[in-house]
N, C-alpha and C. Protein backbone atom coordinates (compact mmCIF):
# COMPACT_ATOMS: atom_id res chain seq x y z
N UNK A 1 9.00 -20.20 3.51
CA UNK A 1 8.02 -19.20 3.17
C UNK A 1 7.07 -19.15 4.22
N UNK A 2 6.62 -17.90 4.75
CA UNK A 2 5.86 -17.84 6.02
C UNK A 2 4.43 -18.07 5.53
N UNK A 3 3.69 -18.79 6.17
CA UNK A 3 2.22 -19.32 5.87
C UNK A 3 1.29 -18.22 6.48
N UNK A 4 0.57 -17.70 5.70
CA UNK A 4 -0.46 -16.66 5.98
C UNK A 4 -1.41 -17.16 6.75
N UNK A 5 -1.91 -16.32 7.84
CA UNK A 5 -3.10 -16.78 8.61
C UNK A 5 -4.26 -15.65 8.36
N UNK A 6 -5.44 -16.33 8.19
CA UNK A 6 -6.82 -15.61 7.89
C UNK A 6 -7.10 -14.97 9.21
N UNK A 7 -7.28 -13.55 9.30
CA UNK A 7 -7.59 -13.00 10.64
C UNK A 7 -8.87 -11.95 10.41
N UNK A 8 -9.33 -11.31 11.43
CA UNK A 8 -10.47 -10.15 11.09
C UNK A 8 -9.80 -8.98 11.82
N UNK A 9 -10.06 -7.88 11.12
CA UNK A 9 -9.72 -6.35 11.70
C UNK A 9 -10.87 -6.09 12.04
N UNK A 10 -10.70 -5.10 13.24
CA UNK A 10 -11.72 -4.33 13.75
C UNK A 10 -11.57 -2.73 13.18
N UNK A 11 -12.43 -2.26 12.82
CA UNK A 11 -12.25 -0.75 12.70
C UNK A 11 -12.54 0.04 13.64
N UNK A 12 -12.37 1.28 13.64
CA UNK A 12 -12.78 2.55 14.64
C UNK A 12 -14.32 2.68 14.63
N UNK A 13 -14.98 2.43 13.46
CA UNK A 13 -16.28 2.79 13.34
C UNK A 13 -17.10 1.66 13.12
N UNK A 14 -16.83 0.42 13.61
CA UNK A 14 -16.99 -0.81 13.68
C UNK A 14 -17.31 -1.74 12.51
N UNK A 15 -16.66 -1.36 11.83
CA UNK A 15 -16.40 -2.38 10.42
C UNK A 15 -15.57 -3.72 10.77
N UNK A 16 -15.85 -4.92 10.16
CA UNK A 16 -14.86 -5.96 10.25
C UNK A 16 -14.30 -6.41 9.09
N UNK A 17 -13.02 -6.73 8.79
CA UNK A 17 -12.25 -6.46 7.67
C UNK A 17 -11.42 -8.09 7.64
N UNK A 18 -12.05 -8.82 6.40
CA UNK A 18 -11.27 -9.82 6.25
C UNK A 18 -9.93 -9.68 5.81
N UNK A 19 -8.85 -10.29 6.39
CA UNK A 19 -7.32 -10.10 6.24
C UNK A 19 -6.61 -11.20 6.35
N UNK A 20 -5.30 -11.13 5.61
CA UNK A 20 -4.36 -12.17 5.89
C UNK A 20 -3.07 -11.64 6.15
N UNK A 21 -2.34 -12.42 7.44
CA UNK A 21 -1.29 -11.79 8.15
C UNK A 21 -0.16 -12.89 7.90
N UNK A 22 0.93 -12.53 7.53
CA UNK A 22 2.07 -13.41 7.54
C UNK A 22 3.09 -12.63 8.63
N UNK A 23 3.39 -13.10 9.81
CA UNK A 23 4.23 -12.56 10.77
C UNK A 23 4.88 -13.35 11.72
N UNK A 24 6.01 -13.51 12.18
CA UNK A 24 6.56 -14.33 12.97
C UNK A 24 7.75 -13.50 13.95
N UNK A 25 8.03 -13.90 15.22
CA UNK A 25 8.90 -13.36 15.89
C UNK A 25 10.16 -12.84 15.36
N UNK A 26 10.55 -11.66 15.87
CA UNK A 26 11.86 -11.39 15.52
C UNK A 26 11.91 -10.64 13.55
N UNK A 27 10.50 -10.34 13.29
CA UNK A 27 10.82 -9.80 11.86
C UNK A 27 11.44 -8.13 12.19
N UNK A 28 12.38 -7.83 11.20
CA UNK A 28 12.68 -6.63 11.42
C UNK A 28 11.92 -5.42 10.61
N UNK A 29 10.54 -5.79 10.35
CA UNK A 29 9.68 -4.69 10.03
C UNK A 29 8.43 -5.50 9.44
N UNK A 30 7.48 -4.36 9.13
CA UNK A 30 6.20 -5.23 8.49
C UNK A 30 5.85 -4.20 7.40
N UNK A 31 4.92 -4.80 6.73
CA UNK A 31 4.32 -3.97 5.44
C UNK A 31 2.86 -4.29 5.35
N UNK A 32 1.90 -3.25 5.43
CA UNK A 32 0.33 -3.29 4.82
C UNK A 32 0.54 -2.96 3.30
N UNK A 33 -0.32 -3.85 2.75
CA UNK A 33 -0.43 -3.63 1.21
C UNK A 33 -2.08 -3.23 1.10
N UNK A 34 -2.20 -2.24 0.37
CA UNK A 34 -3.63 -1.84 -0.08
C UNK A 34 -4.06 -2.21 -1.28
N UNK A 35 -5.17 -2.85 -1.67
CA UNK A 35 -5.60 -3.21 -2.94
C UNK A 35 -6.11 -2.01 -3.75
N UNK A 36 -6.36 -2.21 -4.93
CA UNK A 36 -7.07 -1.47 -6.19
C UNK A 36 -8.82 -1.32 -6.06
N UNK A 37 -9.46 -0.62 -6.72
CA UNK A 37 -10.64 -0.04 -6.56
C UNK A 37 -11.62 -1.23 -6.29
N UNK A 38 -12.44 -1.20 -5.04
CA UNK A 38 -13.56 -2.17 -4.92
C UNK A 38 -14.49 -2.30 -5.85
N UNK A 39 -14.95 -1.09 -6.53
CA UNK A 39 -16.05 -1.27 -7.47
C UNK A 39 -15.78 -1.73 -8.98
N UNK A 40 -14.46 -1.90 -9.13
CA UNK A 40 -13.97 -2.47 -10.07
C UNK A 40 -13.08 -3.74 -10.12
N UNK A 41 -13.67 -4.63 -8.99
CA UNK A 41 -13.03 -6.10 -8.74
C UNK A 41 -11.81 -6.01 -8.17
N UNK A 42 -11.41 -4.75 -7.60
CA UNK A 42 -10.23 -4.90 -6.57
C UNK A 42 -10.23 -5.73 -5.45
N UNK A 43 -9.27 -6.46 -5.00
CA UNK A 43 -9.36 -7.06 -3.94
C UNK A 43 -8.27 -7.45 -3.52
N UNK A 44 -7.66 -8.27 -2.10
CA UNK A 44 -6.50 -8.50 -1.76
C UNK A 44 -5.79 -9.31 -2.19
N UNK A 45 -6.50 -10.21 -3.30
CA UNK A 45 -5.71 -11.22 -4.14
C UNK A 45 -5.37 -10.53 -5.69
N UNK A 46 -5.49 -9.39 -5.85
CA UNK A 46 -4.95 -8.99 -6.95
C UNK A 46 -3.68 -9.17 -7.27
N UNK A 47 -3.02 -9.46 -8.45
CA UNK A 47 -1.69 -9.78 -8.60
C UNK A 47 -0.67 -8.77 -8.37
N UNK A 48 -0.69 -7.47 -8.46
CA UNK A 48 0.06 -6.69 -8.06
C UNK A 48 0.27 -6.67 -6.23
N UNK A 49 -0.94 -6.69 -5.51
CA UNK A 49 -0.82 -7.14 -4.14
C UNK A 49 -0.32 -8.17 -3.95
N UNK A 50 -0.36 -9.24 -4.54
CA UNK A 50 0.06 -10.55 -4.08
C UNK A 50 1.76 -10.41 -4.53
N UNK A 51 2.09 -9.81 -5.69
CA UNK A 51 3.27 -9.59 -6.09
C UNK A 51 4.21 -8.67 -4.73
N UNK A 52 3.69 -7.71 -4.21
CA UNK A 52 4.13 -7.13 -3.28
C UNK A 52 4.25 -7.61 -2.00
N UNK A 53 3.33 -8.51 -1.68
CA UNK A 53 3.14 -9.20 -0.45
C UNK A 53 4.55 -10.36 -0.73
N UNK A 54 4.79 -10.77 -1.88
CA UNK A 54 5.78 -11.70 -2.19
C UNK A 54 7.33 -11.48 -1.75
N UNK A 55 7.55 -10.10 -2.54
CA UNK A 55 8.85 -9.57 -2.23
C UNK A 55 9.15 -9.19 -0.84
N UNK A 56 7.96 -8.82 -0.19
CA UNK A 56 8.47 -8.15 1.29
C UNK A 56 8.28 -9.48 2.20
N UNK A 57 7.65 -10.80 1.74
CA UNK A 57 8.00 -11.61 2.69
C UNK A 57 9.27 -12.30 2.48
N UNK A 58 9.87 -12.42 1.26
CA UNK A 58 10.98 -12.78 0.75
C UNK A 58 12.28 -12.05 1.61
N UNK A 59 11.98 -10.76 2.07
CA UNK A 59 13.27 -10.17 2.71
C UNK A 59 12.85 -10.30 4.29
N UNK A 60 11.93 -11.31 4.77
CA UNK A 60 11.88 -11.57 6.01
C UNK A 60 10.86 -10.52 6.89
N UNK A 61 10.12 -9.95 6.06
CA UNK A 61 9.24 -8.68 6.78
C UNK A 61 7.82 -9.70 7.05
N UNK A 62 7.12 -9.04 7.95
CA UNK A 62 5.78 -9.43 8.26
C UNK A 62 4.97 -8.46 7.26
N UNK A 63 3.88 -9.36 6.92
CA UNK A 63 2.96 -8.74 5.99
C UNK A 63 1.64 -8.63 6.44
N UNK A 64 0.79 -7.81 5.95
CA UNK A 64 -0.68 -7.92 6.00
C UNK A 64 -1.40 -7.43 4.82
N UNK A 65 -2.14 -8.00 4.09
CA UNK A 65 -3.02 -7.54 3.19
C UNK A 65 -4.56 -7.92 3.71
N UNK A 66 -5.47 -6.95 3.23
CA UNK A 66 -6.58 -7.06 3.50
C UNK A 66 -7.78 -6.63 2.49
N UNK A 67 -9.05 -6.78 2.85
CA UNK A 67 -9.99 -6.41 1.83
C UNK A 67 -10.73 -5.33 2.44
N UNK A 68 -10.77 -4.25 1.76
CA UNK A 68 -11.51 -2.79 2.04
C UNK A 68 -13.08 -3.18 2.39
N UNK A 69 -13.55 -2.59 3.23
CA UNK A 69 -15.20 -2.71 3.58
C UNK A 69 -16.01 -2.77 2.33
N UNK A 70 -16.76 -3.76 2.42
CA UNK A 70 -17.73 -4.27 1.21
C UNK A 70 -17.35 -5.11 0.42
N UNK A 71 -15.88 -5.46 0.45
CA UNK A 71 -15.12 -6.39 -0.38
C UNK A 71 -14.94 -7.78 0.31
N UNK A 72 -15.64 -8.73 -0.38
CA UNK A 72 -15.25 -10.13 0.19
C UNK A 72 -16.13 -10.24 1.38
N UNK A 73 -15.39 -10.77 2.56
CA UNK A 73 -16.15 -10.92 3.68
C UNK A 73 -16.07 -9.54 4.87
N UNK A 74 -15.51 -8.71 4.25
CA UNK A 74 -15.57 -7.44 4.72
C UNK A 74 -16.69 -6.95 4.99
N UNK A 75 -17.30 -6.24 6.17
CA UNK A 75 -18.63 -5.66 6.18
C UNK A 75 -18.44 -4.46 5.88
N UNK A 76 -19.53 -3.60 5.92
CA UNK A 76 -19.83 -2.34 5.58
C UNK A 76 -19.97 -2.13 4.04
N UNK A 77 -19.78 -0.77 3.52
CA UNK A 77 -20.01 -0.20 2.08
C UNK A 77 -18.88 0.64 1.75
N UNK A 78 -18.55 0.61 0.65
CA UNK A 78 -17.63 1.46 -0.34
C UNK A 78 -17.84 2.90 0.38
N UNK A 79 -16.60 3.71 0.68
CA UNK A 79 -16.59 4.90 1.17
C UNK A 79 -16.32 5.89 0.56
N UNK A 80 -15.74 5.47 -0.93
CA UNK A 80 -15.16 6.74 -1.70
C UNK A 80 -13.94 7.13 -1.30
N UNK A 81 -13.10 6.33 -0.51
CA UNK A 81 -12.02 6.63 -0.06
C UNK A 81 -11.70 7.30 1.07
N UNK A 82 -12.89 7.45 1.91
CA UNK A 82 -13.15 8.37 3.25
C UNK A 82 -12.82 7.32 4.39
N UNK A 83 -13.97 6.59 4.38
CA UNK A 83 -13.82 5.74 5.64
C UNK A 83 -12.70 4.66 5.51
N UNK A 84 -12.46 4.36 4.09
CA UNK A 84 -11.42 3.24 3.77
C UNK A 84 -10.11 3.64 4.56
N UNK A 85 -9.92 4.93 5.05
CA UNK A 85 -8.82 5.30 5.65
C UNK A 85 -8.49 4.61 7.10
N UNK A 86 -10.08 4.37 7.84
CA UNK A 86 -10.10 3.90 9.15
C UNK A 86 -9.54 2.35 8.80
N UNK A 87 -10.08 1.80 7.73
CA UNK A 87 -9.34 0.26 7.54
C UNK A 87 -8.04 0.30 7.37
N UNK A 88 -7.37 0.94 6.65
CA UNK A 88 -5.83 1.16 6.55
C UNK A 88 -5.27 1.39 7.94
N UNK A 89 -5.92 2.33 8.71
CA UNK A 89 -5.44 2.59 10.29
C UNK A 89 -5.53 1.17 10.96
N UNK A 90 -6.67 0.41 10.94
CA UNK A 90 -6.87 -0.75 11.56
C UNK A 90 -5.70 -1.79 11.52
N UNK A 91 -5.23 -1.92 10.08
CA UNK A 91 -4.58 -2.81 9.21
C UNK A 91 -2.99 -2.59 10.17
N UNK A 92 -2.66 -1.23 10.14
CA UNK A 92 -1.38 -0.87 10.52
C UNK A 92 -1.53 -0.89 12.12
N UNK A 93 -2.48 -0.75 12.94
CA UNK A 93 -2.36 -1.04 14.24
C UNK A 93 -2.11 -2.39 14.45
N UNK A 94 -2.68 -3.43 13.76
CA UNK A 94 -2.84 -4.74 13.84
C UNK A 94 -1.30 -5.16 13.60
N UNK A 95 -0.55 -4.86 12.89
CA UNK A 95 0.76 -5.38 12.49
C UNK A 95 1.72 -4.77 13.35
N UNK A 96 1.35 -3.36 13.75
CA UNK A 96 2.48 -3.06 15.07
C UNK A 96 2.30 -3.73 16.26
N UNK A 97 1.23 -4.43 16.48
CA UNK A 97 1.08 -5.38 17.67
C UNK A 97 1.83 -6.37 17.51
N UNK A 98 2.24 -6.98 16.24
CA UNK A 98 2.90 -8.11 16.16
C UNK A 98 4.48 -7.86 16.22
N UNK A 99 4.62 -6.93 16.27
CA UNK A 99 6.45 -6.62 16.14
C UNK A 99 6.78 -6.75 17.79
N UNK A 100 8.19 -7.34 17.90
CA UNK A 100 8.86 -7.37 19.00
C UNK A 100 9.04 -5.86 19.74
N UNK A 101 9.65 -5.04 18.97
CA UNK A 101 10.23 -3.90 19.52
C UNK A 101 10.34 -2.78 18.61
N UNK A 102 10.66 -3.24 17.20
CA UNK A 102 10.87 -2.11 16.00
C UNK A 102 9.93 -1.18 15.92
N UNK A 103 8.82 -1.83 15.89
CA UNK A 103 7.61 -0.89 15.36
C UNK A 103 7.63 -0.24 14.14
N UNK A 104 8.58 -0.72 13.35
CA UNK A 104 8.82 0.08 11.79
C UNK A 104 7.75 -0.89 10.81
N UNK A 105 6.81 -0.14 10.49
CA UNK A 105 5.51 -0.45 9.54
C UNK A 105 5.65 0.34 8.28
N UNK A 106 5.63 -0.10 7.34
CA UNK A 106 5.47 0.54 5.77
C UNK A 106 4.24 0.26 5.43
N UNK A 107 4.00 1.17 4.38
CA UNK A 107 2.49 1.18 3.94
C UNK A 107 2.68 1.01 2.25
N UNK A 108 1.96 -0.11 1.84
CA UNK A 108 1.96 0.19 0.17
C UNK A 108 0.63 0.09 -0.27
N UNK A 109 0.31 0.98 -1.22
CA UNK A 109 -1.02 1.15 -1.97
C UNK A 109 -0.88 1.05 -3.60
N UNK A 110 -2.04 0.53 -4.14
CA UNK A 110 -2.00 0.17 -5.42
C UNK A 110 -3.15 0.89 -5.87
N UNK A 111 -3.18 1.81 -7.01
CA UNK A 111 -4.35 2.28 -7.72
C UNK A 111 -4.96 3.15 -6.48
N UNK A 112 -6.22 2.68 -6.23
CA UNK A 112 -7.26 3.33 -5.21
C UNK A 112 -6.66 3.07 -3.89
N UNK A 113 -5.96 1.96 -3.63
CA UNK A 113 -5.24 1.62 -2.45
C UNK A 113 -4.15 2.71 -2.42
N UNK A 114 -3.34 3.31 -3.25
CA UNK A 114 -2.35 4.40 -3.19
C UNK A 114 -2.88 5.69 -2.70
N UNK A 115 -4.10 5.99 -3.28
CA UNK A 115 -4.84 7.28 -2.97
C UNK A 115 -5.34 7.02 -1.49
N UNK A 116 -5.80 5.70 -0.88
CA UNK A 116 -5.97 5.92 0.31
C UNK A 116 -4.71 5.61 1.13
N UNK A 117 -3.88 5.32 0.78
CA UNK A 117 -2.53 5.10 1.55
C UNK A 117 -1.88 6.40 1.73
N UNK A 118 -1.78 7.48 0.56
CA UNK A 118 -1.47 8.71 0.66
C UNK A 118 -2.30 9.67 1.67
N UNK A 119 -3.17 9.52 1.62
CA UNK A 119 -4.14 10.27 2.60
C UNK A 119 -3.95 10.06 3.85
N UNK A 120 -3.65 8.63 4.41
CA UNK A 120 -3.29 8.04 5.67
C UNK A 120 -1.94 8.91 5.83
N UNK A 121 -1.05 8.67 5.17
CA UNK A 121 0.24 9.22 5.33
C UNK A 121 0.32 10.95 5.50
N UNK A 122 -0.61 11.39 4.76
CA UNK A 122 -0.57 12.94 4.99
C UNK A 122 -1.28 13.27 5.71
N UNK A 123 -2.19 12.55 6.58
CA UNK A 123 -2.71 12.99 7.91
C UNK A 123 -2.01 12.57 9.02
N UNK A 124 -0.80 12.23 8.80
CA UNK A 124 -0.07 12.20 10.36
C UNK A 124 0.35 10.84 10.56
N UNK A 125 -0.28 9.67 9.87
CA UNK A 125 -0.04 8.48 10.63
C UNK A 125 1.62 8.06 10.51
N UNK A 126 2.17 7.40 11.66
CA UNK A 126 3.48 7.14 11.68
C UNK A 126 3.71 6.22 11.04
N UNK A 127 4.67 6.33 10.08
CA UNK A 127 5.00 5.14 8.90
C UNK A 127 6.65 5.18 8.90
N UNK A 128 7.05 4.24 8.63
CA UNK A 128 8.44 4.11 8.23
C UNK A 128 8.86 4.06 6.74
N UNK A 129 7.78 3.52 6.12
CA UNK A 129 8.00 3.89 4.60
C UNK A 129 6.57 3.84 4.03
N UNK A 130 6.32 4.47 2.87
CA UNK A 130 5.32 4.64 1.87
C UNK A 130 5.75 4.61 0.43
N UNK A 131 5.01 3.41 -0.14
CA UNK A 131 5.12 3.09 -1.46
C UNK A 131 3.58 3.37 -2.11
N UNK A 132 3.72 4.21 -3.17
CA UNK A 132 2.32 4.37 -3.95
C UNK A 132 2.53 3.75 -5.61
N UNK A 133 1.95 2.78 -5.76
CA UNK A 133 2.01 2.33 -7.16
C UNK A 133 0.59 2.85 -8.01
N UNK A 134 1.07 3.24 -9.07
CA UNK A 134 0.02 3.59 -10.07
C UNK A 134 -1.15 4.51 -9.30
N UNK A 135 -1.00 5.44 -8.70
CA UNK A 135 -2.06 6.28 -8.08
C UNK A 135 -2.88 6.87 -9.42
N UNK A 136 -4.07 6.81 -9.43
CA UNK A 136 -5.00 7.04 -10.52
C UNK A 136 -5.31 8.64 -10.65
N UNK A 137 -4.16 9.23 -11.11
CA UNK A 137 -4.15 10.70 -11.10
C UNK A 137 -5.00 11.28 -12.33
N UNK A 138 -5.18 10.47 -13.24
CA UNK A 138 -6.01 10.91 -14.56
C UNK A 138 -7.44 10.94 -14.32
N UNK A 139 -7.89 10.16 -13.28
CA UNK A 139 -9.37 9.84 -13.21
C UNK A 139 -10.07 11.08 -13.02
N UNK A 140 -11.24 11.48 -13.30
CA UNK A 140 -11.97 12.75 -12.99
C UNK A 140 -12.25 12.64 -11.48
N UNK A 141 -12.04 13.79 -10.77
CA UNK A 141 -12.61 13.71 -9.32
C UNK A 141 -11.57 13.16 -8.46
N UNK A 142 -10.45 12.55 -8.85
CA UNK A 142 -9.55 12.27 -7.93
C UNK A 142 -8.64 13.29 -7.48
N UNK A 143 -8.44 13.38 -6.14
CA UNK A 143 -7.70 14.34 -5.56
C UNK A 143 -7.29 14.07 -4.14
N UNK A 144 -6.35 14.49 -3.86
CA UNK A 144 -5.57 14.21 -2.37
C UNK A 144 -5.43 15.67 -1.78
N UNK A 145 -5.43 15.54 -0.47
CA UNK A 145 -5.15 16.60 0.54
C UNK A 145 -3.60 16.85 0.36
N UNK A 146 -3.01 18.23 0.41
CA UNK A 146 -1.72 18.53 0.49
C UNK A 146 -0.83 17.61 1.93
N UNK A 147 0.04 17.24 1.43
CA UNK A 147 0.79 16.55 2.38
C UNK A 147 1.17 17.30 3.50
N UNK A 148 1.06 17.09 4.78
CA UNK A 148 1.42 17.66 6.08
C UNK A 148 2.52 17.09 6.75
N UNK A 149 3.57 17.84 7.09
CA UNK A 149 4.80 17.14 7.87
C UNK A 149 5.58 16.14 6.96
N UNK A 150 6.26 15.62 7.52
CA UNK A 150 7.20 14.83 6.94
C UNK A 150 7.35 13.62 7.40
N UNK A 151 7.28 12.55 6.50
CA UNK A 151 7.51 11.22 6.88
C UNK A 151 9.10 11.25 7.37
N UNK A 152 9.52 10.15 8.39
CA UNK A 152 10.62 9.85 8.67
C UNK A 152 11.04 8.72 7.75
N UNK A 153 10.81 8.79 6.69
CA UNK A 153 10.95 7.41 5.84
C UNK A 153 11.50 7.58 4.04
N UNK A 154 11.74 6.59 3.46
CA UNK A 154 11.66 6.67 2.37
C UNK A 154 10.58 6.23 1.65
N UNK A 155 10.11 7.35 0.56
CA UNK A 155 8.89 7.37 -0.06
C UNK A 155 9.22 7.01 -1.49
N UNK A 156 8.20 6.13 -2.10
CA UNK A 156 8.32 5.65 -3.36
C UNK A 156 7.18 5.63 -4.12
N UNK A 157 7.22 6.37 -5.46
CA UNK A 157 6.21 6.67 -6.26
C UNK A 157 6.56 5.70 -7.53
N UNK A 158 5.59 4.81 -7.94
CA UNK A 158 5.98 3.81 -9.23
C UNK A 158 4.77 4.21 -10.30
N UNK A 159 5.15 4.13 -11.49
CA UNK A 159 4.17 4.45 -12.54
C UNK A 159 4.80 3.40 -13.78
N UNK A 160 4.08 3.45 -14.61
CA UNK A 160 4.32 2.77 -15.92
C UNK A 160 4.15 3.70 -17.00
N UNK A 161 5.14 3.52 -18.08
CA UNK A 161 5.24 4.13 -19.39
C UNK A 161 4.04 4.21 -19.95
N UNK A 162 3.08 3.15 -20.11
CA UNK A 162 2.02 2.86 -20.67
C UNK A 162 0.67 3.15 -19.69
N UNK A 163 0.75 3.74 -18.86
CA UNK A 163 -0.63 3.86 -17.95
C UNK A 163 -1.23 4.78 -18.03
N UNK A 164 -2.35 5.07 -19.07
CA UNK A 164 -3.19 6.02 -19.18
C UNK A 164 -3.91 6.76 -17.93
N UNK A 165 -4.21 6.05 -16.92
CA UNK A 165 -4.57 6.48 -15.39
C UNK A 165 -3.77 7.37 -14.60
N UNK A 166 -2.55 6.82 -14.99
CA UNK A 166 -1.31 7.62 -14.23
C UNK A 166 -0.34 8.10 -15.04
N UNK A 167 -0.54 9.07 -15.89
CA UNK A 167 0.54 9.57 -16.94
C UNK A 167 1.77 10.10 -15.91
N UNK A 168 2.96 9.86 -16.57
CA UNK A 168 4.16 10.27 -15.98
C UNK A 168 4.26 11.69 -15.42
N UNK A 169 3.91 12.67 -16.34
CA UNK A 169 3.96 14.22 -16.04
C UNK A 169 3.23 14.44 -14.53
N UNK A 170 2.11 13.87 -14.54
CA UNK A 170 1.24 14.01 -13.34
C UNK A 170 1.80 13.19 -11.97
N UNK A 171 2.46 12.08 -12.43
CA UNK A 171 2.88 11.35 -11.51
C UNK A 171 4.13 12.25 -10.62
N UNK A 172 4.93 12.79 -11.48
CA UNK A 172 6.23 13.33 -10.94
C UNK A 172 5.53 14.37 -10.40
N UNK A 173 4.72 15.32 -10.56
CA UNK A 173 4.09 16.63 -10.16
C UNK A 173 3.74 16.06 -8.85
N UNK A 174 2.67 15.13 -8.82
CA UNK A 174 2.08 14.42 -7.39
C UNK A 174 3.41 14.18 -6.34
N UNK A 175 4.40 13.47 -7.01
CA UNK A 175 5.35 12.94 -6.08
C UNK A 175 6.19 14.13 -5.01
N UNK A 176 5.93 15.33 -6.06
CA UNK A 176 6.43 16.67 -5.27
C UNK A 176 6.07 16.99 -4.04
N UNK A 177 4.70 16.56 -3.77
CA UNK A 177 4.04 16.87 -2.55
C UNK A 177 4.80 16.21 -1.24
N UNK A 178 5.43 15.06 -1.59
CA UNK A 178 5.79 14.60 -0.37
C UNK A 178 7.41 14.23 -0.32
N UNK A 179 7.91 14.62 0.87
CA UNK A 179 9.37 14.88 1.40
C UNK A 179 10.13 13.64 0.92
N UNK A 180 11.14 13.67 0.31
CA UNK A 180 12.05 12.68 0.19
C UNK A 180 11.71 11.73 -0.69
N UNK A 181 10.39 11.98 -1.66
CA UNK A 181 10.10 11.05 -2.61
C UNK A 181 10.95 10.78 -3.57
N UNK A 182 10.85 9.38 -4.24
CA UNK A 182 11.76 9.04 -5.15
C UNK A 182 10.46 8.36 -6.32
N UNK A 183 10.74 8.70 -7.60
CA UNK A 183 9.89 8.26 -8.80
C UNK A 183 10.56 7.24 -9.36
N UNK A 184 10.03 5.80 -9.58
CA UNK A 184 10.63 4.91 -10.38
C UNK A 184 9.59 4.64 -11.58
N UNK A 185 10.07 4.46 -12.93
CA UNK A 185 9.07 4.15 -14.15
C UNK A 185 9.47 2.52 -14.19
N UNK A 186 8.26 1.78 -14.60
CA UNK A 186 8.42 0.55 -15.12
C UNK A 186 8.26 0.53 -16.60
N UNK A 187 9.32 0.47 -17.39
CA UNK A 187 8.95 0.75 -18.91
C UNK A 187 8.19 -0.32 -19.49
N UNK A 188 7.20 0.24 -20.30
CA UNK A 188 6.09 -0.88 -20.91
C UNK A 188 4.92 -1.18 -20.14
N UNK A 189 4.97 -0.83 -18.59
CA UNK A 189 3.73 -1.06 -18.06
C UNK A 189 2.54 -0.18 -18.09
N UNK A 190 1.49 -0.99 -18.27
CA UNK A 190 0.31 -0.12 -18.13
C UNK A 190 -0.12 -0.31 -16.57
N UNK A 191 -1.64 0.32 -16.65
CA UNK A 191 -1.82 0.33 -14.91
C UNK A 191 -2.04 -0.91 -14.77
N UNK A 192 -2.25 -2.03 -14.95
CA UNK A 192 -2.39 -3.23 -14.39
C UNK A 192 -1.21 -3.99 -14.39
N UNK A 193 -0.08 -3.35 -14.85
CA UNK A 193 1.33 -4.15 -14.95
C UNK A 193 1.27 -5.71 -15.47
N UNK A 194 0.43 -5.67 -16.47
CA UNK A 194 0.40 -7.07 -17.40
C UNK A 194 1.80 -7.27 -17.81
N UNK A 195 2.26 -8.61 -17.41
CA UNK A 195 3.57 -8.79 -17.94
C UNK A 195 4.80 -8.03 -17.26
N UNK A 196 4.47 -7.20 -16.28
CA UNK A 196 5.47 -6.50 -15.61
C UNK A 196 5.51 -6.52 -14.28
N UNK A 197 4.73 -7.76 -13.85
CA UNK A 197 5.02 -7.96 -12.27
C UNK A 197 6.27 -8.22 -12.04
N UNK A 198 7.40 -8.61 -12.61
CA UNK A 198 8.69 -9.07 -11.97
C UNK A 198 9.41 -7.82 -11.84
N UNK A 199 9.71 -6.82 -12.96
CA UNK A 199 10.31 -5.88 -12.71
C UNK A 199 9.49 -4.82 -11.67
N UNK A 200 8.45 -4.79 -11.45
CA UNK A 200 7.64 -4.11 -10.29
C UNK A 200 8.11 -4.54 -9.18
N UNK A 201 7.88 -6.00 -8.78
CA UNK A 201 8.51 -6.38 -7.46
C UNK A 201 9.97 -6.27 -7.25
N UNK A 202 10.96 -6.00 -8.62
CA UNK A 202 12.22 -5.62 -8.05
C UNK A 202 12.38 -3.99 -7.52
N UNK A 203 11.48 -3.57 -8.14
CA UNK A 203 11.41 -1.83 -7.57
C UNK A 203 10.83 -1.84 -6.15
N UNK A 204 9.81 -2.60 -5.89
CA UNK A 204 9.53 -2.68 -4.47
C UNK A 204 10.49 -3.32 -3.44
N UNK A 205 10.83 -4.22 -3.75
CA UNK A 205 12.00 -4.89 -3.09
C UNK A 205 13.24 -4.10 -2.84
N UNK A 206 13.66 -3.37 -3.80
CA UNK A 206 14.75 -2.47 -3.65
C UNK A 206 14.41 -1.31 -2.53
N UNK A 207 13.03 -0.45 -2.56
CA UNK A 207 12.75 0.11 -1.57
C UNK A 207 12.48 -0.24 -0.36
N UNK A 208 11.93 -1.68 -0.17
CA UNK A 208 12.12 -2.17 1.04
C UNK A 208 13.35 -2.45 1.84
N UNK A 209 14.36 -3.00 0.88
CA UNK A 209 15.51 -3.07 1.60
C UNK A 209 16.05 -1.50 2.14
N UNK A 210 15.96 -0.60 1.44
CA UNK A 210 16.53 0.76 1.76
C UNK A 210 15.61 1.05 2.96
N UNK A 211 14.15 0.85 3.23
CA UNK A 211 13.71 1.18 4.21
C UNK A 211 13.87 0.86 5.46
N UNK A 212 14.00 -0.68 5.45
CA UNK A 212 14.23 -1.46 6.59
C UNK A 212 15.65 -1.67 6.73
N UNK A 213 16.45 -0.95 5.98
CA UNK A 213 18.13 -0.94 6.01
C UNK A 213 18.38 -2.63 6.00
N UNK A 214 17.86 -3.37 5.18
CA UNK A 214 18.24 -4.71 5.05
C UNK A 214 19.36 -5.18 3.93
């Protein structure tokens, strides 16, 4: 197992973010994992975030999880998904700097983290892969800009059959915005994946093996 190290990230607008990185020379790629909504208890120790980190590490990938601004030891305040894009970009830049030569970095987001990750991807950030878990499509006021361009990557959108915040018809419609998107459904899972972390991890692991050709 790769021991994580505590680090601090600096964003373009001057925030500092609490983060943990698991990296080693020769990793075939890297994954950034974004946590759920900061105003509802979301942080980088969320069980879904931890599970995504574990399955990525098991494949030998470098990993980075972090607290969005205003969470834990991260400075700043909640930016309603707007300034949080700078947080994700800072995490991506740090992980790219740890890789020897591949530059292969993928992005995983869960719930609020999926919303921010999708905006970063739609904005043209160079990614090898994108995994969106339970984007909160049913919440009032939730919206994403139309995807622009195409990722040179495999895109995975994951939902649960019992998720009231991410109903499957909306999930499939949302996925159509993204070129090459695959939709995977975890049977019996609600928005929090209680009791379904293992099958979720299997879905994410299969995506990562495809993205990084492992």
